[in-house]
Structures are given as structure tokens and as C-alpha cells.
Amino acid sequence: MSPYVGTIPTDETRMALTGWSRVGGDIRVSHFLATHMIQALPIVGIGIAYLMPSRIGVIIVVLAAVVWSSWTLTEYTRALSGKPSPVTQFLS
């Protein structure tokens, strides 16, 4: 029941702030992205509703949802295959 897939990280191979693995798959990355997508998309929608016409706003929100969902699915697929997230490599 570990969030890690593949290599289990040591203290030296974990990301400092989050503890995400930098050497193997970690499903917590996709969980983080999905949780914050649920919070961010409504905020984006409200902001866009005040700034743009409704048709353009809907397109922007749908596009943001598709891009963020694709990113989340990509991170989940990488984690299940035992590969570390590029995010952990970039931020470490």
C-alpha cells in the first residue's frame, strides 16, 4: 500500500518539500494535480466569466480542463510504469 512504484526512494532521492520520489514512480504527483485541478478550474471559470464573452470563456475553460487532465493522466501513467515525474527533476 505504498505510493511508490518501482524503486523505493531513500531520503536523498526524495523531493525536499513534498517527499515525492525522484528515482521511481510516485502516484502522489497525479493525485496532487487532480485535487488542485478540481479547485483551480472553477476559479479560472469565474475569472474568465468576468473578463471575456461567454463563448470564448467556455472554450478557454474547456481547453484548460483538457490540458490539465492530459497532464494528470500522463503523470499517472508514468508513475504506474515506475518512471519519476519530470516535475521532480525540474524542481529539485
PDB file of N, CA and C in Angstrom:
ATOM      1  N   MET A   1       0.824  -1.193   0.000  1.00  0.00           N
ATOM      2  CA  MET A   1       0.000   0.000   0.000  1.00  0.00           C
ATOM      3  C   MET A   1       0.870   1.259   0.000  1.00  0.00           C
ATOM      4  N   SER A   2       1.918   1.213  -0.763  1.00  0.00           N
ATOM      5  CA  SER A   2       2.840   2.336  -0.870  1.00  0.00           C
ATOM      6  C   SER A   2       2.484   3.196  -2.082  1.00  0.00           C
ATOM      7  N   PRO A   3       2.735   4.507  -2.015  1.00  0.00           N
ATOM      8  CA  PRO A   3       2.502   5.343  -3.192  1.00  0.00           C
ATOM      9  C   PRO A   3       3.588   5.191  -4.249  1.00  0.00           C
ATOM     10  N   TYR A   4       4.632   4.431  -3.926  1.00  0.00           N
ATOM     11  CA  TYR A   4       5.762   4.285  -4.830  1.00  0.00           C
ATOM     12  C   TYR A   4       5.588   3.068  -5.722  1.00  0.00           C
ATOM     13  N   VAL A   5       6.024   3.189  -6.979  1.00  0.00           N
ATOM     14  CA  VAL A   5       6.023   2.080  -7.924  1.00  0.00           C
ATOM     15  C   VAL A   5       7.454   1.938  -8.420  1.00  0.00           C
ATOM     16  N   GLY A   6       7.991   0.747  -8.313  1.00  0.00           N
ATOM     17  CA  GLY A   6       9.367   0.541  -8.736  1.00  0.00           C
ATOM     18  C   GLY A   6      10.314   0.774  -7.577  1.00  0.00           C
ATOM     19  N   THR A   7      11.303   1.589  -7.794  1.00  0.00           N
ATOM     20  CA  THR A   7      12.333   1.869  -6.797  1.00  0.00           C
ATOM     21  C   THR A   7      11.758   2.662  -5.633  1.00  0.00           C
ATOM     22  N   ILE A   8      11.999   2.192  -4.417  1.00  0.00           N
ATOM     23  CA  ILE A   8      11.568   2.912  -3.225  1.00  0.00           C
ATOM     24  C   ILE A   8      12.656   3.935  -2.894  1.00  0.00           C
ATOM     25  N   PRO A   9      12.284   5.209  -2.804  1.00  0.00           N
ATOM     26  CA  PRO A   9      13.313   6.233  -2.594  1.00  0.00           C
ATOM     27  C   PRO A   9      13.857   6.253  -1.171  1.00  0.00           C
ATOM     28  N   THR A  10      15.075   6.713  -1.056  1.00  0.00           N
ATOM     29  CA  THR A  10      15.661   6.987   0.250  1.00  0.00           C
ATOM     30  C   THR A  10      15.493   8.477   0.521  1.00  0.00           C
ATOM     31  N   ASP A  11      15.948   8.921   1.669  1.00  0.00           N
ATOM     32  CA  ASP A  11      15.826  10.346   1.993  1.00  0.00           C
ATOM     33  C   ASP A  11      16.546  11.232   0.985  1.00  0.00           C
ATOM     34  N   GLU A  12      17.648  10.745   0.426  1.00  0.00           N
ATOM     35  CA  GLU A  12      18.419  11.531  -0.537  1.00  0.00           C
ATOM     36  C   GLU A  12      17.758  11.593  -1.911  1.00  0.00           C
ATOM     37  N   THR A  13      16.881  10.656  -2.207  1.00  0.00           N
ATOM     38  CA  THR A  13      16.273  10.607  -3.537  1.00  0.00           C
ATOM     39  C   THR A  13      14.806  11.024  -3.520  1.00  0.00           C
ATOM     40  N   ARG A  14      14.411  11.757  -2.500  1.00  0.00           N
ATOM     41  CA  ARG A  14      13.060  12.306  -2.442  1.00  0.00           C
ATOM     42  C   ARG A  14      13.120  13.813  -2.635  1.00  0.00           C
ATOM     43  N   MET A  15      12.055  14.364  -3.186  1.00  0.00           N
ATOM     44  CA  MET A  15      11.959  15.810  -3.336  1.00  0.00           C
ATOM     45  C   MET A  15      11.818  16.426  -1.944  1.00  0.00           C
ATOM     46  N   ALA A  16      12.474  17.530  -1.710  1.00  0.00           N
ATOM     47  CA  ALA A  16      12.578  18.097  -0.367  1.00  0.00           C
ATOM     48  C   ALA A  16      11.226  18.446   0.255  1.00  0.00           C
ATOM     49  N   LEU A  17      10.422  19.220  -0.387  1.00  0.00           N
ATOM     50  CA  LEU A  17       9.192  19.718   0.231  1.00  0.00           C
ATOM     51  C   LEU A  17       8.081  18.670   0.261  1.00  0.00           C
ATOM     52  N   THR A  18       7.917  17.918  -0.796  1.00  0.00           N
ATOM     53  CA  THR A  18       6.780  17.007  -0.906  1.00  0.00           C
ATOM     54  C   THR A  18       7.102  15.564  -0.543  1.00  0.00           C
ATOM     55  N   GLY A  19       8.354  15.156  -0.660  1.00  0.00           N
ATOM     56  CA  GLY A  19       8.728  13.772  -0.428  1.00  0.00           C
ATOM     57  C   GLY A  19       8.478  12.873  -1.623  1.00  0.00           C
ATOM     58  N   TRP A  20       8.137  13.463  -2.777  1.00  0.00           N
ATOM     59  CA  TRP A  20       7.907  12.671  -3.981  1.00  0.00           C
ATOM     60  C   TRP A  20       9.214  12.029  -4.433  1.00  0.00           C
ATOM     61  N   SER A  21       9.093  10.834  -4.978  1.00  0.00           N
ATOM     62  CA  SER A  21      10.267  10.099  -5.441  1.00  0.00           C
ATOM     63  C   SER A  21      10.862  10.736  -6.689  1.00  0.00           C
ATOM     64  N   ARG A  22      12.202  10.835  -6.709  1.00  0.00           N
ATOM     65  CA  ARG A  22      12.914  11.321  -7.892  1.00  0.00           C
ATOM     66  C   ARG A  22      13.560  10.190  -8.672  1.00  0.00           C
ATOM     67  N   VAL A  23      13.378   8.929  -8.198  1.00  0.00           N
ATOM     68  CA  VAL A  23      14.019   7.795  -8.860  1.00  0.00           C
ATOM     69  C   VAL A  23      13.028   6.748  -9.369  1.00  0.00           C
ATOM     70  N   GLY A  24      11.791   6.819  -8.977  1.00  0.00           N
ATOM     71  CA  GLY A  24      10.797   5.837  -9.405  1.00  0.00           C
ATOM     72  C   GLY A  24       9.423   6.477  -9.483  1.00  0.00           C
ATOM     73  N   GLY A  25       8.434   5.677  -9.793  1.00  0.00           N
ATOM     74  CA  GLY A  25       7.071   6.185  -9.904  1.00  0.00           C
ATOM     75  C   GLY A  25       6.483   6.560  -8.556  1.00  0.00           C
ATOM     76  N   ASP A  26       5.711   7.627  -8.530  1.00  0.00           N
ATOM     77  CA  ASP A  26       5.049   8.086  -7.308  1.00  0.00           C
ATOM     78  C   ASP A  26       3.657   8.594  -7.697  1.00  0.00           C
ATOM     79  N   ILE A  27       2.624   7.866  -7.293  1.00  0.00           N
ATOM     80  CA  ILE A  27       1.269   8.233  -7.713  1.00  0.00           C
ATOM     81  C   ILE A  27       0.733   9.471  -6.995  1.00  0.00           C
ATOM     82  N   ARG A  28       1.453   9.957  -6.006  1.00  0.00           N
ATOM     83  CA  ARG A  28       1.001  11.177  -5.304  1.00  0.00           C
ATOM     84  C   ARG A  28       1.084  12.417  -6.182  1.00  0.00           C
ATOM     85  N   VAL A  29       1.935  12.390  -7.201  1.00  0.00           N
ATOM     86  CA  VAL A  29       2.043  13.537  -8.110  1.00  0.00           C
ATOM     87  C   VAL A  29       0.724  13.719  -8.863  1.00  0.00           C
ATOM     88  N   SER A  30       0.194  12.640  -9.429  1.00  0.00           N
ATOM     89  CA  SER A  30      -1.068  12.751 -10.163  1.00  0.00           C
ATOM     90  C   SER A  30      -2.226  13.056  -9.225  1.00  0.00           C
ATOM     91  N   HIS A  31      -2.178  12.564  -8.008  1.00  0.00           N
ATOM     92  CA  HIS A  31      -3.218  12.891  -7.029  1.00  0.00           C
ATOM     93  C   HIS A  31      -3.202  14.391  -6.712  1.00  0.00           C
ATOM     94  N   PHE A  32      -2.017  14.937  -6.540  1.00  0.00           N
ATOM     95  CA  PHE A  32      -1.871  16.377  -6.294  1.00  0.00           C
ATOM     96  C   PHE A  32      -2.458  17.188  -7.445  1.00  0.00           C
ATOM     97  N   LEU A  33      -2.105  16.801  -8.672  1.00  0.00           N
ATOM     98  CA  LEU A  33      -2.596  17.533  -9.841  1.00  0.00           C
ATOM     99  C   LEU A  33      -4.109  17.453  -9.964  1.00  0.00           C
ATOM    100  N   ALA A  34      -4.678  16.271  -9.756  1.00  0.00           N
ATOM    101  CA  ALA A  34      -6.126  16.104  -9.873  1.00  0.00           C
ATOM    102  C   ALA A  34      -6.863  16.889  -8.795  1.00  0.00           C
ATOM    103  N   THR A  35      -6.361  16.858  -7.579  1.00  0.00           N
ATOM    104  CA  THR A  35      -7.010  17.579  -6.479  1.00  0.00           C
ATOM    105  C   THR A  35      -7.015  19.080  -6.740  1.00  0.00           C
ATOM    106  N   HIS A  36      -5.900  19.603  -7.192  1.00  0.00           N
ATOM    107  CA  HIS A  36      -5.834  21.043  -7.417  1.00  0.00           C
ATOM    108  C   HIS A  36      -6.540  21.469  -8.697  1.00  0.00           C
ATOM    109  N   MET A  37      -6.708  20.549  -9.642  1.00  0.00           N
ATOM    110  CA  MET A  37      -7.498  20.864 -10.828  1.00  0.00           C
ATOM    111  C   MET A  37      -8.957  21.106 -10.427  1.00  0.00           C
ATOM    112  N   ILE A  38      -9.451  20.294  -9.498  1.00  0.00           N
ATOM    113  CA  ILE A  38     -10.825  20.454  -9.024  1.00  0.00           C
ATOM    114  C   ILE A  38     -11.012  21.832  -8.387  1.00  0.00           C
ATOM    115  N   GLN A  39      -9.978  22.356  -7.778  1.00  0.00           N
ATOM    116  CA  GLN A  39     -10.057  23.663  -7.132  1.00  0.00           C
ATOM    117  C   GLN A  39      -9.810  24.808  -8.111  1.00  0.00           C
ATOM    118  N   ALA A  40      -8.891  24.614  -9.036  1.00  0.00           N
ATOM    119  CA  ALA A  40      -8.456  25.714  -9.904  1.00  0.00           C
ATOM    120  C   ALA A  40      -9.406  25.996 -11.064  1.00  0.00           C
ATOM    121  N   LEU A  41      -9.980  24.967 -11.660  1.00  0.00           N
ATOM    122  CA  LEU A  41     -10.825  25.197 -12.839  1.00  0.00           C
ATOM    123  C   LEU A  41     -12.047  26.075 -12.545  1.00  0.00           C
ATOM    124  N   PRO A  42     -12.742  25.890 -11.424  1.00  0.00           N
ATOM    125  CA  PRO A  42     -13.844  26.822 -11.142  1.00  0.00           C
ATOM    126  C   PRO A  42     -13.364  28.269 -10.958  1.00  0.00           C
ATOM    127  N   ILE A  43     -12.207  28.438 -10.355  1.00  0.00           N
ATOM    128  CA  ILE A  43     -11.664  29.789 -10.175  1.00  0.00           C
ATOM    129  C   ILE A  43     -11.330  30.399 -11.530  1.00  0.00           C
ATOM    130  N   VAL A  44     -10.741  29.603 -12.415  1.00  0.00           N
ATOM    131  CA  VAL A  44     -10.449  30.073 -13.770  1.00  0.00           C
ATOM    132  C   VAL A  44     -11.751  30.442 -14.471  1.00  0.00           C
ATOM    133  N   GLY A  45     -12.762  29.594 -14.333  1.00  0.00           N
ATOM    134  CA  GLY A  45     -14.056  29.869 -14.963  1.00  0.00           C
ATOM    135  C   GLY A  45     -14.696  31.152 -14.471  1.00  0.00           C
ATOM    136  N   ILE A  46     -14.634  31.393 -13.194  1.00  0.00           N
ATOM    137  CA  ILE A  46     -15.202  32.628 -12.633  1.00  0.00           C
ATOM    138  C   ILE A  46     -14.433  33.840 -13.140  1.00  0.00           C
ATOM    139  N   GLY A  47     -13.105  33.738 -13.154  1.00  0.00           N
ATOM    140  CA  GLY A  47     -12.291  34.852 -13.650  1.00  0.00           C
ATOM    141  C   GLY A  47     -12.534  35.135 -15.117  1.00  0.00           C
ATOM    142  N   ILE A  48     -12.631  34.087 -15.911  1.00  0.00           N
ATOM    143  CA  ILE A  48     -12.873  34.253 -17.346  1.00  0.00           C
ATOM    144  C   ILE A  48     -14.270  34.824 -17.594  1.00  0.00           C
ATOM    145  N   ALA A  49     -15.244  34.441 -16.782  1.00  0.00           N
ATOM    146  CA  ALA A  49     -16.618  34.924 -16.966  1.00  0.00           C
ATOM    147  C   ALA A  49     -16.696  36.437 -16.829  1.00  0.00           C
ATOM    148  N   TYR A  50     -15.861  37.018 -15.994  1.00  0.00           N
ATOM    149  CA  TYR A  50     -15.853  38.471 -15.823  1.00  0.00           C
ATOM    150  C   TYR A  50     -15.055  39.191 -16.904  1.00  0.00           C
ATOM    151  N   LEU A  51     -14.133  38.491 -17.550  1.00  0.00           N
ATOM    152  CA  LEU A  51     -13.224  39.147 -18.483  1.00  0.00           C
ATOM    153  C   LEU A  51     -13.563  38.978 -19.961  1.00  0.00           C
ATOM    154  N   MET A  52     -14.269  37.897 -20.317  1.00  0.00           N
ATOM    155  CA  MET A  52     -14.467  37.586 -21.729  1.00  0.00           C
ATOM    156  C   MET A  52     -15.922  37.233 -22.016  1.00  0.00           C
ATOM    157  N   PRO A  53     -16.290  37.301 -23.283  1.00  0.00           N
ATOM    158  CA  PRO A  53     -17.626  36.841 -23.673  1.00  0.00           C
ATOM    159  C   PRO A  53     -17.800  35.355 -23.359  1.00  0.00           C
ATOM    160  N   SER A  54     -19.030  34.939 -23.167  1.00  0.00           N
ATOM    161  CA  SER A  54     -19.290  33.589 -22.683  1.00  0.00           C
ATOM    162  C   SER A  54     -18.762  32.494 -23.606  1.00  0.00           C
ATOM    163  N   ARG A  55     -18.911  32.623 -24.905  1.00  0.00           N
ATOM    164  CA  ARG A  55     -18.473  31.573 -25.822  1.00  0.00           C
ATOM    165  C   ARG A  55     -16.956  31.386 -25.752  1.00  0.00           C
ATOM    166  N   ILE A  56     -16.213  32.460 -25.755  1.00  0.00           N
ATOM    167  CA  ILE A  56     -14.749  32.378 -25.668  1.00  0.00           C
ATOM    168  C   ILE A  56     -14.341  31.847 -24.298  1.00  0.00           C
ATOM    169  N   GLY A  57     -15.036  32.280 -23.262  1.00  0.00           N
ATOM    170  CA  GLY A  57     -14.746  31.808 -21.913  1.00  0.00           C
ATOM    171  C   GLY A  57     -14.928  30.309 -21.771  1.00  0.00           C
ATOM    172  N   VAL A  58     -15.993  29.788 -22.336  1.00  0.00           N
ATOM    173  CA  VAL A  58     -16.232  28.343 -22.289  1.00  0.00           C
ATOM    174  C   VAL A  58     -15.115  27.597 -23.004  1.00  0.00           C
ATOM    175  N   ILE A  59     -14.697  28.089 -24.146  1.00  0.00           N
ATOM    176  CA  ILE A  59     -13.614  27.441 -24.896  1.00  0.00           C
ATOM    177  C   ILE A  59     -12.329  27.432 -24.076  1.00  0.00           C
ATOM    178  N   ILE A  60     -12.011  28.537 -23.439  1.00  0.00           N
ATOM    179  CA  ILE A  60     -10.785  28.626 -22.638  1.00  0.00           C
ATOM    180  C   ILE A  60     -10.833  27.666 -21.454  1.00  0.00           C
ATOM    181  N   VAL A  61     -11.976  27.606 -20.765  1.00  0.00           N
ATOM    182  CA  VAL A  61     -12.090  26.714 -19.607  1.00  0.00           C
ATOM    183  C   VAL A  61     -12.024  25.249 -20.045  1.00  0.00           C
ATOM    184  N   VAL A  62     -12.692  24.908 -21.133  1.00  0.00           N
ATOM    185  CA  VAL A  62     -12.630  23.533 -21.632  1.00  0.00           C
ATOM    186  C   VAL A  62     -11.207  23.181 -22.063  1.00  0.00           C
ATOM    187  N   LEU A  63     -10.542  24.095 -22.726  1.00  0.00           N
ATOM    188  CA  LEU A  63      -9.154  23.861 -23.135  1.00  0.00           C
ATOM    189  C   LEU A  63      -8.254  23.668 -21.910  1.00  0.00           C
ATOM    190  N   ALA A  64      -8.428  24.494 -20.885  1.00  0.00           N
ATOM    191  CA  ALA A  64      -7.644  24.349 -19.654  1.00  0.00           C
ATOM    192  C   ALA A  64      -7.909  22.992 -18.999  1.00  0.00           C
ATOM    193  N   ALA A  65      -9.164  22.563 -18.998  1.00  0.00           N
ATOM    194  CA  ALA A  65      -9.510  21.265 -18.416  1.00  0.00           C
ATOM    195  C   ALA A  65      -8.874  20.114 -19.198  1.00  0.00           C
ATOM    196  N   VAL A  66      -8.890  20.204 -20.507  1.00  0.00           N
ATOM    197  CA  VAL A  66      -8.302  19.145 -21.339  1.00  0.00           C
ATOM    198  C   VAL A  66      -6.792  19.076 -21.128  1.00  0.00           C
ATOM    199  N   VAL A  67      -6.130  20.224 -21.123  1.00  0.00           N
ATOM    200  CA  VAL A  67      -4.678  20.245 -20.945  1.00  0.00           C
ATOM    201  C   VAL A  67      -4.297  19.718 -19.567  1.00  0.00           C
ATOM    202  N   TRP A  68      -4.979  20.188 -18.524  1.00  0.00           N
ATOM    203  CA  TRP A  68      -4.648  19.767 -17.158  1.00  0.00           C
ATOM    204  C   TRP A  68      -4.966  18.286 -16.962  1.00  0.00           C
ATOM    205  N   SER A  69      -6.075  17.815 -17.513  1.00  0.00           N
ATOM    206  CA  SER A  69      -6.423  16.391 -17.414  1.00  0.00           C
ATOM    207  C   SER A  69      -5.391  15.529 -18.130  1.00  0.00           C
ATOM    208  N   SER A  70      -4.926  15.983 -19.277  1.00  0.00           N
ATOM    209  CA  SER A  70      -3.896  15.242 -20.019  1.00  0.00           C
ATOM    210  C   SER A  70      -2.601  15.162 -19.220  1.00  0.00           C
ATOM    211  N   TRP A  71      -2.231  16.275 -18.596  1.00  0.00           N
ATOM    212  CA  TRP A  71      -1.024  16.299 -17.768  1.00  0.00           C
ATOM    213  C   TRP A  71      -1.168  15.318 -16.599  1.00  0.00           C
ATOM    214  N   THR A  72      -2.329  15.328 -15.945  1.00  0.00           N
ATOM    215  CA  THR A  72      -2.571  14.434 -14.817  1.00  0.00           C
ATOM    216  C   THR A  72      -2.519  12.974 -15.252  1.00  0.00           C
ATOM    217  N   LEU A  73      -3.156  12.660 -16.360  1.00  0.00           N
ATOM    218  CA  LEU A  73      -3.143  11.289 -16.871  1.00  0.00           C
ATOM    219  C   LEU A  73      -1.737  10.851 -17.273  1.00  0.00           C
ATOM    220  N   THR A  74      -0.972  11.753 -17.850  1.00  0.00           N
ATOM    221  CA  THR A  74       0.409  11.443 -18.215  1.00  0.00           C
ATOM    222  C   THR A  74       1.245  11.133 -16.973  1.00  0.00           C
ATOM    223  N   GLU A  75       1.092  11.944 -15.929  1.00  0.00           N
ATOM    224  CA  GLU A  75       1.835  11.708 -14.683  1.00  0.00           C
ATOM    225  C   GLU A  75       1.426  10.384 -14.045  1.00  0.00           C
ATOM    226  N   TYR A  76       0.147  10.060 -14.088  1.00  0.00           N
ATOM    227  CA  TYR A  76      -0.340   8.804 -13.522  1.00  0.00           C
ATOM    228  C   TYR A  76       0.219   7.609 -14.297  1.00  0.00           C
ATOM    229  N   THR A  77       0.211   7.696 -15.609  1.00  0.00           N
ATOM    230  CA  THR A  77       0.746   6.627 -16.451  1.00  0.00           C
ATOM    231  C   THR A  77       2.240   6.443 -16.211  1.00  0.00           C
ATOM    232  N   ARG A  78       2.966   7.542 -16.102  1.00  0.00           N
ATOM    233  CA  ARG A  78       4.409   7.466 -15.816  1.00  0.00           C
ATOM    234  C   ARG A  78       4.647   6.806 -14.466  1.00  0.00           C
ATOM    235  N   ALA A  79       3.856   7.197 -13.473  1.00  0.00           N
ATOM    236  CA  ALA A  79       4.040   6.638 -12.127  1.00  0.00           C
ATOM    237  C   ALA A  79       3.784   5.133 -12.126  1.00  0.00           C
ATOM    238  N   LEU A  80       2.729   4.699 -12.803  1.00  0.00           N
ATOM    239  CA  LEU A  80       2.423   3.268 -12.837  1.00  0.00           C
ATOM    240  C   LEU A  80       3.471   2.465 -13.584  1.00  0.00           C
ATOM    241  N   SER A  81       4.192   3.106 -14.484  1.00  0.00           N
ATOM    242  CA  SER A  81       5.266   2.404 -15.189  1.00  0.00           C
ATOM    243  C   SER A  81       6.599   2.501 -14.443  1.00  0.00           C
ATOM    244  N   GLY A  82       6.603   3.132 -13.274  1.00  0.00           N
ATOM    245  CA  GLY A  82       7.811   3.200 -12.452  1.00  0.00           C
ATOM    246  C   GLY A  82       8.766   4.306 -12.807  1.00  0.00           C
ATOM    247  N   LYS A  83       8.323   5.263 -13.617  1.00  0.00           N
ATOM    248  CA  LYS A  83       9.190   6.372 -14.021  1.00  0.00           C
ATOM    249  C   LYS A  83       8.926   7.584 -13.131  1.00  0.00           C
ATOM    250  N   PRO A  84       9.980   8.301 -12.761  1.00  0.00           N
ATOM    251  CA  PRO A  84       9.764   9.508 -11.954  1.00  0.00           C
ATOM    252  C   PRO A  84       9.150  10.631 -12.785  1.00  0.00           C
ATOM    253  N   SER A  85       8.493  11.527 -12.104  1.00  0.00           N
ATOM    254  CA  SER A  85       7.879  12.682 -12.768  1.00  0.00           C
ATOM    255  C   SER A  85       8.947  13.681 -13.184  1.00  0.00           C
ATOM    256  N   PRO A  86       8.808  14.268 -14.376  1.00  0.00           N
ATOM    257  CA  PRO A  86       9.734  15.343 -14.767  1.00  0.00           C
ATOM    258  C   PRO A  86       9.657  16.531 -13.817  1.00  0.00           C
ATOM    259  N   VAL A  87       8.532  16.715 -13.178  1.00  0.00           N
ATOM    260  CA  VAL A  87       8.370  17.814 -12.219  1.00  0.00           C
ATOM    261  C   VAL A  87       9.378  17.672 -11.084  1.00  0.00           C
ATOM    262  N   THR A  88       9.579  16.454 -10.609  1.00  0.00           N
ATOM    263  CA  THR A  88      10.528  16.249  -9.504  1.00  0.00           C
ATOM    264  C   THR A  88      11.957  16.504  -9.949  1.00  0.00           C
ATOM    265  N   GLN A  89      12.270  16.253 -11.207  1.00  0.00           N
ATOM    266  CA  GLN A  89      13.607  16.515 -11.724  1.00  0.00           C
ATOM    267  C   GLN A  89      13.835  18.011 -11.899  1.00  0.00           C
ATOM    268  N   PHE A  90      12.801  18.709 -12.341  1.00  0.00           N
ATOM    269  CA  PHE A  90      12.903  20.141 -12.606  1.00  0.00           C
ATOM    270  C   PHE A  90      12.992  20.951 -11.319  1.00  0.00           C
ATOM    271  N   LEU A  91      12.215  20.590 -10.315  1.00  0.00           N
ATOM    272  CA  LEU A  91      12.141  21.376  -9.077  1.00  0.00           C
ATOM    273  C   LEU A  91      13.199  21.014  -8.054  1.00  0.00           C
ATOM    274  N   SER A  92      13.918  19.942  -8.244  1.00  0.00           N
ATOM    275  CA  SER A  92      14.907  19.526  -7.236  1.00  0.00           C
ATOM    276  C   SER A  92      16.241  20.180  -7.461  1.00  0.00           C
TER     277      SER A  92
END
